[in-house]
Protein backbone atom coordinates (compact mmCIF):
# COMPACT_ATOMS: atom_id res chain seq x y z
CA MET A 1 -6.86 10.63 -18.82
CA ALA A 2 -6.09 6.99 -18.14
CA ARG A 3 -9.06 4.68 -18.40
CA ASP A 4 -9.10 2.89 -15.05
CA ALA A 5 -11.76 1.02 -13.12
CA ARG A 6 -10.83 3.07 -10.06
CA PHE A 7 -12.46 5.97 -11.87
CA ALA A 8 -15.73 4.69 -10.39
CA ILE A 9 -14.53 5.44 -6.89
CA GLY A 10 -13.90 9.08 -7.58
CA LEU A 11 -13.96 10.66 -11.00
CA SER A 12 -13.26 13.99 -9.36
CA LEU A 13 -9.80 12.78 -8.41
CA ALA A 14 -8.86 13.43 -12.01
CA ILE A 15 -8.37 17.10 -11.23
CA LEU A 16 -5.65 16.07 -8.78
CA LEU A 17 -4.04 13.51 -11.07
CA VAL A 18 -3.60 15.56 -14.23
CA SER A 19 -0.89 18.22 -14.26
CA ALA A 20 -2.01 21.64 -15.41
CA VAL A 21 -0.03 23.37 -18.14
CA GLY A 22 0.34 27.07 -17.51
CA THR A 23 -0.80 29.35 -20.29
CA ALA A 24 -1.31 33.02 -20.72
CA GLU A 25 -4.50 32.44 -22.67
CA GLU A 26 -7.90 31.59 -21.27
CA PRO A 27 -8.37 27.79 -21.61
CA VAL A 28 -11.01 26.79 -24.14
CA ARG A 29 -13.62 24.25 -23.16
CA PRO A 30 -13.65 21.32 -25.62
CA ASP A 31 -16.76 20.77 -27.70
CA PHE A 32 -18.63 17.49 -27.46
CA PRO A 33 -17.54 15.37 -30.45
CA THR A 34 -19.83 15.18 -33.44
CA THR A 35 -18.48 11.74 -34.32
CA LEU A 36 -19.24 9.27 -31.55
CA ASP A 37 -16.44 6.76 -32.06
CA LYS A 38 -14.09 5.48 -29.39
CA SER A 39 -11.11 7.63 -30.37
CA SER A 40 -13.13 10.84 -30.45
CA LEU A 41 -14.88 10.19 -27.14
CA VAL A 42 -11.69 9.19 -25.33
CA SER A 43 -9.89 12.26 -26.64
CA TYR A 44 -12.82 14.41 -25.54
CA GLN A 45 -12.74 13.09 -21.98
CA GLU A 46 -9.00 13.66 -21.78
CA ALA A 47 -9.37 17.23 -23.08
CA LEU A 48 -12.29 17.88 -20.72
CA THR A 49 -10.18 16.77 -17.78
CA GLN A 50 -7.32 19.05 -18.84
CA TRP A 51 -9.70 21.98 -19.21
CA SER A 52 -11.42 21.39 -15.86
CA ASN A 53 -8.07 21.10 -14.11
CA ALA A 54 -7.21 24.58 -15.35
CA VAL A 55 -10.47 26.30 -14.44
CA CYS A 56 -11.92 24.37 -11.45
CA LYS A 57 -10.58 24.93 -7.96
CA THR A 58 -12.76 22.55 -5.96
CA GLU A 59 -14.44 19.18 -6.37
CA LYS A 60 -17.84 20.88 -6.32
CA GLU A 61 -16.80 23.17 -9.17
CA PHE A 62 -15.45 20.20 -11.09
CA TRP A 63 -18.71 18.28 -10.90
CA SER A 64 -20.82 21.30 -11.64
CA ALA A 65 -18.76 22.06 -14.73
CA THR A 66 -18.14 18.59 -16.14
CA GLY A 67 -20.46 16.03 -14.55
CA ASP A 68 -23.11 16.11 -17.28
CA ASP A 69 -20.48 15.88 -20.02
CA PHE A 70 -18.69 12.92 -18.46
CA TYR A 71 -22.04 11.22 -17.97
CA ARG A 72 -23.09 11.81 -21.57
CA SER A 73 -19.75 10.77 -23.08
CA THR A 74 -19.42 7.66 -20.91
CA LYS A 75 -22.89 6.48 -21.91
CA ALA A 76 -21.93 7.07 -25.55
CA LEU A 77 -18.82 4.93 -25.07
CA LEU A 78 -20.88 2.11 -23.61
CA ASP A 79 -23.17 2.22 -26.66
CA LEU A 80 -20.24 1.32 -28.95
CA ASP A 81 -19.80 -2.20 -30.28
CA ASP A 82 -16.01 -2.13 -30.62
CA LEU A 83 -15.04 -1.93 -26.95
CA THR A 84 -12.97 -4.76 -25.52
CA ALA A 85 -14.42 -6.64 -22.54
CA GLN A 86 -11.94 -4.87 -20.27
CA GLU A 87 -12.81 -1.45 -21.66
CA ARG A 88 -16.51 -2.13 -21.28
CA ALA A 89 -16.01 -3.15 -17.64
CA GLU A 90 -13.97 -0.03 -16.94
CA TYR A 91 -16.47 2.33 -18.54
CA ASP A 92 -19.34 0.60 -16.80
CA ALA A 93 -17.58 1.17 -13.48
CA GLN A 94 -16.92 4.75 -14.54
CA LEU A 95 -20.60 5.35 -15.26
CA SER A 96 -21.57 3.82 -11.90
CA GLY A 97 -19.18 6.22 -10.20
CA ILE A 98 -20.65 9.19 -12.07
CA LEU A 99 -24.20 8.15 -11.21
CA GLY A 100 -23.17 7.64 -7.60
CA ASN A 101 -21.74 11.13 -7.30
CA PHE A 102 -24.85 12.63 -8.87
CA ALA A 103 -27.03 10.56 -6.51
CA LEU A 104 -25.19 11.88 -3.46
CA SER A 105 -25.71 15.43 -4.70
CA GLU A 106 -29.40 14.65 -5.10
CA ALA A 107 -29.54 13.30 -1.54
CA GLU A 108 -27.91 16.47 -0.19
CA ASN A 109 -30.67 18.47 -1.86
CA GLY A 110 -33.54 16.61 -0.27
CA GLY A 111 -33.60 13.01 -1.46
CA PHE A 112 -32.69 10.58 -4.18
CA GLY A 113 -33.65 11.50 -7.70
CA PRO A 114 -33.37 10.26 -11.30
CA LYS A 115 -29.63 9.50 -11.25
CA PHE A 116 -30.01 7.27 -8.19
CA GLU A 117 -32.95 5.54 -9.82
CA GLU A 118 -30.85 4.99 -12.94
CA LEU A 119 -28.10 3.41 -10.85
CA ARG A 120 -30.66 1.21 -9.12
CA ALA A 121 -32.20 0.19 -12.45
CA ARG A 122 -28.78 -0.68 -13.86
CA THR A 123 -28.09 -2.83 -10.81
CA ALA A 124 -31.42 -4.64 -11.18
CA GLU A 125 -30.65 -5.17 -14.87
CA ALA A 126 -27.26 -6.66 -13.99
CA LEU A 127 -28.86 -8.92 -11.37
CA GLN A 128 -31.28 -10.30 -13.94
CA LYS A 129 -28.48 -10.79 -16.46
CA ASN A 130 -26.40 -12.61 -13.86
CA LYS A 131 -29.25 -15.04 -13.21
CA LEU A 132 -29.46 -15.87 -16.90
CA ASP A 133 -25.70 -15.86 -17.45
CA PRO A 134 -23.79 -16.57 -14.18
CA SER A 135 -20.36 -16.00 -15.72
CA ASP A 136 -17.45 -14.26 -14.00
CA GLU A 137 -17.91 -11.22 -16.23
CA SER A 138 -21.61 -11.02 -15.44
CA ARG A 139 -20.97 -11.38 -11.72
CA ASP A 140 -18.24 -8.72 -11.70
CA LEU A 141 -20.52 -6.31 -13.56
CA LEU A 142 -23.26 -6.90 -11.00
CA LEU A 143 -20.95 -6.53 -8.01
CA GLY A 144 -19.51 -3.28 -9.34
CA ARG A 145 -22.92 -1.69 -9.77
CA ALA A 146 -24.34 -3.08 -6.52
CA THR A 147 -21.35 -2.02 -4.43
CA ARG A 148 -21.63 1.52 -5.74
CA LEU A 149 -25.39 1.54 -5.11
CA PHE A 150 -24.99 0.45 -1.49
CA ASP A 151 -22.08 2.84 -1.00
CA VAL A 152 -24.30 5.72 -2.10
CA ARG A 153 -27.08 4.64 0.25
CA LEU A 154 -24.68 4.33 3.18
CA SER A 155 -23.04 7.70 2.50
CA ALA A 156 -26.43 9.38 2.20
CA ALA A 157 -27.62 7.79 5.45
CA LEU A 158 -24.53 9.04 7.31
CA GLY A 159 -25.44 12.57 6.26
CA LYS A 160 -28.89 12.44 7.86
CA SER A 161 -30.03 13.30 11.38
CA GLU A 162 -29.62 10.56 13.98
CA GLU A 163 -33.30 9.55 13.94
CA ALA A 164 -33.57 9.46 10.15
CA ARG A 165 -30.20 7.75 9.90
CA GLU A 166 -31.31 4.84 12.12
CA ALA A 167 -34.26 4.09 9.84
CA GLU A 168 -31.99 4.16 6.79
CA PHE A 169 -29.52 1.85 8.52
CA VAL A 170 -32.23 -0.74 9.26
CA ALA A 171 -33.37 -0.82 5.64
CA LEU A 172 -29.80 -0.87 4.37
CA VAL A 173 -28.78 -3.84 6.52
CA GLY A 174 -31.84 -5.83 5.50
CA ASP A 175 -31.19 -5.20 1.82
CA ALA A 176 -27.45 -5.94 2.14
CA ILE A 177 -28.11 -9.29 3.84
CA THR A 178 -30.76 -10.22 1.29
CA PHE A 179 -28.48 -9.31 -1.60
CA ALA A 180 -25.56 -11.30 -0.10
CA LEU A 181 -27.76 -14.37 0.24
CA SER A 182 -28.58 -14.05 -3.46
CA VAL A 183 -25.05 -13.09 -4.52
CA PRO A 184 -22.63 -14.61 -1.95
CA GLU A 185 -19.65 -12.69 -3.34
CA PHE A 186 -21.30 -9.58 -1.86
CA GLY A 187 -20.91 -11.03 1.65
CA GLU A 188 -17.71 -9.17 2.49
CA THR A 189 -19.20 -5.86 1.35
CA ALA A 190 -22.23 -6.54 3.55
CA ASN A 191 -19.80 -7.14 6.41
CA ASN A 192 -18.17 -3.77 5.77
CA ILE A 193 -21.54 -2.03 5.76
CA VAL A 194 -22.39 -3.48 9.16
CA ALA A 195 -18.95 -2.54 10.49
CA THR A 196 -19.50 1.09 9.48
CA ILE A 197 -22.96 1.13 11.05
CA ARG A 198 -21.53 -0.25 14.30
CA VAL A 199 -19.18 2.74 14.50
CA HIS A 200 -22.00 5.27 14.17
CA SER A 201 -24.77 3.36 15.95
CA PRO A 202 -23.27 0.70 18.28
CA ASP A 203 -26.53 -0.79 19.57
CA LEU A 204 -28.12 -1.05 16.15
CA GLY A 205 -24.82 -2.32 14.78
CA GLU A 206 -24.81 -5.17 17.29
CA GLU A 207 -28.32 -6.16 16.24
CA ALA A 208 -27.25 -6.03 12.60
CA LEU A 209 -24.24 -8.20 13.37
CA ASP A 210 -26.50 -10.82 14.98
CA ALA A 211 -28.92 -10.74 12.08
CA MET A 212 -26.12 -11.18 9.57
CA CYS A 213 -24.55 -14.08 11.47
CA GLU A 214 -27.88 -15.89 11.72
CA ALA A 215 -28.74 -15.34 8.06
CA PHE A 216 -25.33 -16.38 6.74
CA GLU A 217 -25.16 -19.48 8.94
CA ALA A 218 -28.71 -20.54 8.08
CA SER A 219 -27.97 -20.30 4.36
CA GLU A 220 -25.33 -23.06 4.60
CA ASN A 221 -23.90 -21.64 1.39
CA PRO A 222 -20.19 -22.59 1.04
CA ALA A 223 -19.51 -19.28 -0.70
CA LEU A 224 -20.53 -17.47 2.49
CA VAL A 225 -18.13 -19.40 4.73
CA LYS A 226 -15.48 -16.66 4.74
CA PRO A 227 -17.96 -13.81 5.35
CA ILE A 228 -19.55 -15.93 8.11
CA GLN A 229 -16.20 -16.42 9.78
CA GLU A 230 -15.40 -12.72 9.50
CA THR A 231 -18.81 -11.76 10.85
CA LEU A 232 -18.58 -14.17 13.76
CA GLY A 233 -15.10 -12.87 14.54
CA LYS A 234 -16.29 -9.28 14.58
CA ARG A 235 -19.09 -10.26 16.92
CA ARG A 236 -16.63 -12.01 19.25
CA PHE A 237 -14.34 -8.99 19.26
CA ALA A 238 -17.22 -6.56 19.81
CA ARG A 239 -18.20 -8.50 22.93
CA LEU A 240 -14.76 -9.04 24.39
CA VAL A 241 -14.98 -6.42 27.12
CA GLY A 242 -16.19 -8.12 30.30
CA ASN A 243 -15.47 -11.59 28.95
CA GLU A 244 -12.46 -13.89 28.83
CA LEU A 245 -10.06 -13.69 25.92
CA TYR A 246 -9.46 -16.85 23.90
CA PHE A 247 -5.70 -17.28 23.97
CA GLU A 248 -3.92 -20.50 23.06
CA ALA A 249 -0.44 -20.14 21.63
CA LYS A 250 3.14 -21.32 21.34
CA GLN A 251 5.63 -19.02 23.00
CA PHE A 252 9.30 -18.25 22.49
CA ASP A 253 11.58 -20.18 24.83
CA GLY A 254 14.81 -18.45 23.86
CA LYS A 255 15.52 -20.74 20.93
CA ASP A 256 12.20 -21.48 19.25
CA PHE A 257 8.44 -21.28 19.72
CA GLY A 258 8.22 -24.70 21.29
CA LYS A 259 6.74 -23.86 24.67
CA THR A 260 2.99 -23.96 25.27
CA PHE A 261 1.65 -20.69 26.63
CA GLU A 262 -0.05 -21.08 30.00
CA TRP A 263 -2.48 -18.33 30.98
CA GLY A 264 -2.35 -19.62 34.55
CA ASP A 265 1.20 -18.27 34.82
CA PHE A 266 -0.33 -14.78 34.83
CA GLU A 267 -3.16 -15.43 37.26
CA GLY A 268 -3.99 -12.39 39.39
CA LYS A 269 -2.04 -10.02 37.13
CA VAL A 270 -3.04 -7.30 34.70
CA VAL A 271 -1.97 -8.42 31.22
CA LEU A 272 -1.67 -6.41 28.04
CA VAL A 273 -1.95 -8.69 25.00
CA GLU A 274 -0.38 -6.99 22.01
CA ILE A 275 -1.17 -8.37 18.56
CA TRP A 276 1.62 -7.08 16.37
CA ALA A 277 4.12 -7.76 13.54
CA THR A 278 7.77 -6.93 12.91
CA TRP A 279 6.89 -5.40 9.51
CA CYS A 280 4.44 -2.96 11.13
CA GLY A 281 5.97 0.50 11.65
CA PRO A 282 3.49 1.60 14.36
CA CYS A 283 4.16 -1.69 16.19
CA ARG A 284 7.89 -1.00 16.24
CA ARG A 285 7.28 2.52 17.47
CA GLU A 286 5.33 1.08 20.39
CA ILE A 287 8.26 -0.99 21.68
CA PRO A 288 10.06 1.77 23.64
CA ARG A 289 6.77 2.96 25.10
CA LEU A 290 5.78 -0.57 26.16
CA LYS A 291 9.22 -1.12 27.65
CA GLU A 292 8.71 1.98 29.78
CA ALA A 293 5.28 0.82 30.95
CA TYR A 294 6.56 -2.71 31.60
CA ALA A 295 9.48 -1.48 33.67
CA ARG A 296 7.27 0.91 35.63
CA TYR A 297 4.47 -1.52 36.52
CA ARG A 298 5.87 -5.04 36.33
CA ASP A 299 6.74 -5.34 40.02
CA ALA A 300 3.20 -4.19 40.85
CA GLY A 301 1.66 -7.01 38.79
CA PHE A 302 1.61 -5.88 35.16
CA GLU A 303 2.63 -8.16 32.28
CA VAL A 304 2.81 -7.88 28.50
CA VAL A 305 2.27 -10.78 26.11
CA GLY A 306 3.11 -10.26 22.46
CA TYR A 307 1.24 -12.23 19.80
CA SER A 308 3.05 -11.89 16.48
CA ILE A 309 1.28 -12.49 13.17
CA ASP A 310 4.61 -12.67 11.30
CA GLN A 311 4.98 -15.44 8.77
CA ASP A 312 8.78 -15.30 8.83
CA VAL A 313 9.39 -16.92 12.21
CA GLU A 314 13.19 -16.89 11.89
CA PHE A 315 13.17 -13.12 11.40
CA LEU A 316 10.77 -12.78 14.33
CA LYS A 317 13.16 -14.65 16.64
CA LYS A 318 16.06 -12.44 15.52
CA PHE A 319 13.95 -9.30 15.95
CA VAL A 320 12.98 -10.24 19.51
CA ALA A 321 16.62 -10.89 20.40
CA ASP A 322 18.04 -7.82 18.67
CA ASN A 323 15.48 -5.50 20.28
CA GLU A 324 15.82 -7.13 23.71
CA ILE A 325 12.08 -7.51 24.12
CA PRO A 326 11.67 -8.55 27.77
CA TRP A 327 8.10 -9.86 27.82
CA THR A 328 6.59 -13.13 26.62
CA THR A 329 6.37 -13.42 22.82
CA THR A 330 4.11 -15.88 21.01
CA SER A 331 3.77 -16.71 17.30
CA GLN A 332 0.48 -17.10 15.46
CA LYS A 333 2.16 -19.13 12.70
CA ARG A 334 3.58 -21.67 15.16
CA SER A 335 0.32 -21.65 17.15
CA VAL A 336 -1.79 -22.47 14.08
CA GLU A 337 0.67 -25.20 13.11
CA ALA A 338 0.15 -26.65 16.60
CA GLY A 339 -3.61 -26.78 16.03
CA TYR A 340 -4.69 -23.58 17.79
CA LYS A 341 -6.96 -20.92 16.29
CA GLY A 342 -5.23 -17.87 14.85
CA LEU A 343 -6.14 -14.99 17.16
CA TYR A 344 -6.05 -12.37 14.40
CA GLU A 345 -8.62 -14.23 12.30
CA TYR A 346 -10.64 -15.63 15.20
CA TYR A 347 -11.54 -12.09 16.27
CA SER A 348 -11.52 -10.62 12.72
CA ILE A 349 -9.06 -7.97 13.87
CA ASN A 350 -8.59 -5.38 11.13
CA GLY A 351 -5.15 -3.96 11.91
CA VAL A 352 -2.08 -4.05 14.09
CA PRO A 353 -1.06 -3.26 16.69
CA GLU A 354 -4.20 -4.27 18.57
CA MET A 355 -3.79 -4.09 22.33
CA ILE A 356 -6.20 -5.90 24.62
CA LEU A 357 -6.01 -5.20 28.35
CA VAL A 358 -7.01 -8.12 30.58
CA GLY A 359 -7.78 -7.62 34.26
CA ARG A 360 -6.72 -9.58 37.31
CA ASP A 361 -9.88 -11.67 37.05
CA GLY A 362 -8.96 -12.84 33.55
CA LYS A 363 -11.61 -10.73 31.84
CA VAL A 364 -11.01 -8.09 29.19
CA ILE A 365 -11.06 -4.51 30.44
CA GLU A 366 -10.56 -2.70 27.14
CA THR A 367 -9.64 -3.27 23.50
CA ASP A 368 -7.46 -0.96 21.40
CA CYS A 369 -5.83 0.06 24.67
CA ARG A 370 -2.88 2.03 23.33
CA GLY A 371 -0.90 5.12 24.12
CA CYS A 372 -2.41 7.51 26.61
CA LYS A 373 -5.46 5.25 26.95
CA LEU A 374 -3.16 2.53 28.32
CA ALA A 375 -1.41 5.03 30.60
CA GLU A 376 -4.75 6.12 32.07
CA ARG A 377 -5.88 2.55 32.64
CA LEU A 378 -2.65 1.62 34.37
CA LYS A 379 -2.93 4.70 36.54
CA GLU A 380 -6.40 3.54 37.64
CA LEU A 381 -5.36 -0.08 38.18
CA PHE A 382 -2.13 0.69 40.03
CA PRO A 383 -2.85 3.84 42.08
CA ASN A 384 0.23 3.35 44.25
CA VAL A 385 2.65 3.49 41.31
CA GLU A 386 3.86 6.79 39.89
CA PRO A 387 1.94 7.21 36.61
CA LEU A 388 3.49 7.45 33.18
CA GLY A 389 3.89 11.00 31.96
CA TRP A 390 2.80 10.47 28.38
CA ASP A 391 1.53 13.59 26.62
CA PRO A 392 -1.79 13.20 24.73
CA ALA A 393 -0.63 15.86 22.27
CA ASN A 394 2.22 13.59 21.19
CA ASP A 395 0.29 10.30 21.12
CA PHE A 396 1.13 8.60 17.83
CA SER A 397 -1.25 5.64 18.13
CA GLN A 398 -2.33 4.32 14.77
CA ARG A 399 -2.85 0.95 13.12
CA VAL A 400 -2.01 -0.68 9.81
CA SER A 401 -3.82 -3.44 7.97
CA SER A 402 -2.37 -6.88 7.77
CA PRO A 403 -1.10 -8.02 4.35
CA GLU A 404 -2.50 -11.14 2.75
CA LYS A 405 -1.02 -14.18 4.38
């Protein structure tokens, strides 16, 4: 079995990654090595994975059959003095993953137990070590353990009843913010925790978002600048409905993106702002559907404005021409170069296409307004126009994350 830091995310995936070799004989479970050196322990874990792949049919069976042995052998590996720094980091992450899976099993059976406490103690130990030795290696060790610890707590909270879950969320947010203030590199993970909570408990999530913004801003820590910006953007996006959309951009004039976009040109109209990219498959699949909606409702007062996050502007211009896109197209790259805020980052949007429907009064009606959701909204807004006949059963709406720019 390959030694990989991703092991911490899901050791049980090993049963899917290792090919079973058919045999007429009953597979024999490997014995725990009597010699605790690196070669023997690594070989044992590989053999244990092969055996479990042959006899275990489910993840639950896998953990029941092998969890204790992987835990024991991984701890033995970490006790060795001849591991490289990379190996030690990988096995430390592996042990955190094992402890995390055990902790979740404990939570399912009534509450956290000794394995969770061990993970928490290891995280506290790493925090203390990081204070004494704030090296990159020390920080990475701490972040690996802490991220797994908070992931376990969040997963366990999501499995509780609504009332119990709310209390867990409150404690979790407080601890995540406190930890991020102490270890700024944890800021983005804290952001992700709040984002998940907002999905399951919108009101509490909004309060958590406010608390995080205030705490991060008050810290004035340069290392928290990016998480602050992301958090503020998420808050702006969460509160878009009922408010005006920030939109300053440079638009395509047929030759280049030299024209300044004027929102006043669309006054009194319903406007769908599509944040998209040419490299995004779901975005391209939306083009025929948007063309149909545009043709159906344009004369009644419906407009589409595309906001591309492409970095290759020359390809974008060619794409718009080749696909005969009839609506206004703007470029984030050219807009940022002109001194405007990048819409994608300003609202911390997490994928494309993102479609924002703006009403005749200039205020946002709905975000993520795609597919049949858009068709229903247009039907409500333009009752005198024959509605689009899009079938919910065939709605392919999905989003993809933006690559690093």
